[in-house]
Protein backbone atom coordinates (compact mmCIF):
# COMPACT_ATOMS: atom_id res chain seq x y z
CA MET A 1 -21.61 7.39 -31.93
CA VAL A 2 -18.85 8.64 -30.25
CA GLN A 3 -19.55 10.04 -26.60
CA HIS A 4 -17.66 13.09 -25.29
CA ARG A 5 -17.49 13.81 -21.62
CA ALA A 6 -16.90 17.50 -20.49
CA PRO A 7 -13.11 17.57 -19.39
CA THR A 8 -13.55 17.40 -15.37
CA LYS A 9 -11.96 20.73 -13.10
CA ILE A 10 -8.84 19.58 -11.59
CA TYR A 11 -8.74 22.08 -8.50
CA PRO A 12 -5.48 23.98 -7.46
CA GLN A 13 -5.03 22.00 -4.00
CA ASP A 14 -5.53 18.53 -5.70
CA ARG A 15 -2.96 18.92 -8.72
CA VAL A 16 -0.41 19.92 -5.13
CA PHE A 17 -1.39 16.97 -3.79
CA LEU A 18 -1.00 14.74 -7.25
CA ALA A 19 2.31 16.12 -6.94
CA VAL A 20 3.32 15.96 -3.90
CA SER A 21 2.73 11.53 -4.12
CA LYS A 22 5.08 12.00 -6.69
CA ILE A 23 8.13 13.20 -4.46
CA PRO A 24 9.94 9.93 -4.39
CA PHE A 25 11.55 8.31 -0.86
CA GLY A 26 14.58 9.83 0.02
CA LYS A 27 14.14 13.42 -1.99
CA VAL A 28 12.57 16.74 -1.19
CA THR A 29 11.05 19.79 -3.57
CA THR A 30 10.64 23.19 -2.42
CA TYR A 31 7.33 24.94 -2.22
CA GLY A 32 8.18 27.42 -5.29
CA LEU A 33 8.78 24.39 -7.60
CA LEU A 34 5.40 22.48 -6.48
CA ALA A 35 3.78 26.23 -7.52
CA GLU A 36 5.87 25.87 -10.78
CA LEU A 37 4.89 22.29 -11.72
CA THR A 38 1.38 22.55 -10.22
CA GLY A 39 0.31 26.14 -11.88
CA VAL A 40 -0.03 27.67 -8.53
CA ARG A 41 1.20 31.48 -8.38
CA ASN A 42 2.41 31.73 -4.66
CA PRO A 43 4.18 29.49 -3.12
CA ARG A 44 2.80 30.44 0.44
CA VAL A 45 0.01 28.72 -0.87
CA ILE A 46 1.67 25.78 -1.50
CA GLY A 47 2.07 24.89 2.53
CA ASN A 48 -1.68 26.19 3.14
CA TYR A 49 -2.76 23.43 1.26
CA LEU A 50 0.21 21.17 2.86
CA HIS A 51 -1.35 21.99 6.52
CA SER A 52 -4.70 21.00 5.68
CA ASN A 53 -3.31 16.85 4.26
CA THR A 54 -5.50 15.18 6.19
CA ASP A 55 -3.14 12.07 4.79
CA PRO A 56 0.70 12.42 4.62
CA LEU A 57 1.17 8.93 4.19
CA HIS A 58 0.14 9.02 0.88
CA TYR A 59 1.36 12.48 0.46
CA PRO A 60 4.31 12.72 2.28
CA CYS A 61 4.55 16.82 2.85
CA HIS A 62 7.26 16.34 4.72
CA ARG A 63 9.66 16.12 1.79
CA VAL A 64 8.83 19.76 1.02
CA VAL A 65 11.06 22.91 2.23
CA ASP A 66 11.97 26.25 1.29
CA ARG A 67 14.15 27.38 -1.11
CA ASN A 68 17.17 27.22 1.16
CA GLY A 69 16.20 23.53 1.93
CA ARG A 70 15.17 24.57 5.20
CA LEU A 71 12.77 22.60 7.27
CA ALA A 72 9.37 24.08 7.94
CA PRO A 73 9.68 25.43 11.20
CA ALA A 74 5.51 25.38 11.77
CA TYR A 75 5.58 21.35 10.23
CA ALA A 76 1.67 20.62 11.21
CA PHE A 77 2.66 17.07 12.13
CA GLY A 78 4.95 17.79 15.06
CA GLY A 79 6.75 20.53 14.13
CA ALA A 80 10.41 20.80 12.68
CA GLY A 81 12.15 18.18 14.75
CA LYS A 82 9.44 15.29 13.29
CA GLN A 83 9.96 16.28 9.83
CA ALA A 84 13.55 16.18 10.40
CA GLN A 85 13.15 12.56 11.90
CA ARG A 86 10.89 11.23 8.98
CA LEU A 87 13.77 12.75 6.81
CA LYS A 88 16.44 10.93 7.99
CA ASP A 89 14.34 7.59 8.53
CA GLU A 90 14.44 8.17 4.32
CA ASN A 91 18.06 9.17 4.41
CA VAL A 92 17.83 12.46 3.70
CA LYS A 93 20.88 13.72 5.81
CA VAL A 94 19.59 17.11 7.85
CA ILE A 95 21.99 19.73 9.41
CA ASN A 96 21.06 22.57 11.61
CA SER A 97 17.39 21.86 10.01
CA HIS A 98 18.12 22.23 6.22
CA VAL A 99 18.88 19.38 3.74
CA SER A 100 21.21 20.18 0.87
CA LEU A 101 19.43 20.80 -2.06
CA ASP A 102 22.44 19.73 -4.39
CA VAL A 103 21.87 16.48 -3.16
CA TYR A 104 18.90 15.96 -2.38
CA LEU A 105 16.41 17.71 -4.53
CA TRP A 106 13.46 16.22 -6.61
CA ARG A 107 13.69 16.80 -10.41
CA PRO A 108 10.51 15.66 -12.16
CA SER A 109 10.47 13.30 -14.76
CA ALA A 110 9.39 14.50 -18.21
CA ALA A 111 6.14 11.95 -17.48
CA VAL A 112 5.28 13.44 -14.60
CA LYS A 113 5.55 17.30 -15.90
CA ARG A 114 3.28 16.17 -18.60
CA LEU A 115 0.84 15.34 -15.77
CA PHE A 116 0.16 18.74 -15.19
CA ALA A 117 0.69 20.14 -18.37
CA ASP A 118 -2.58 22.46 -19.15
């Protein structure tokens, strides 16, 4: 007899943190691209979720920037200066609180995108 289980609900915040955990060392993504990947309708919600991050080592929210590559002025773990330093430690060039999305933007693989397909 085959036993069927009801699907487990994955909350939007969990989807966001899973996606953030996939951003590789030395790469960044944007709030908007995270929203699109995870099905969150408003990119500002992504920022709210990231402010509640209790494990920045496993969920590297310092790798999330705005659509222009600008660092978060209110980065929750020490301000924009700390975010810049963490990115520089990953060999990401930060100039005037911005990173070049042309150089550093993470493009999720098809396998990562499948994690979030409904």
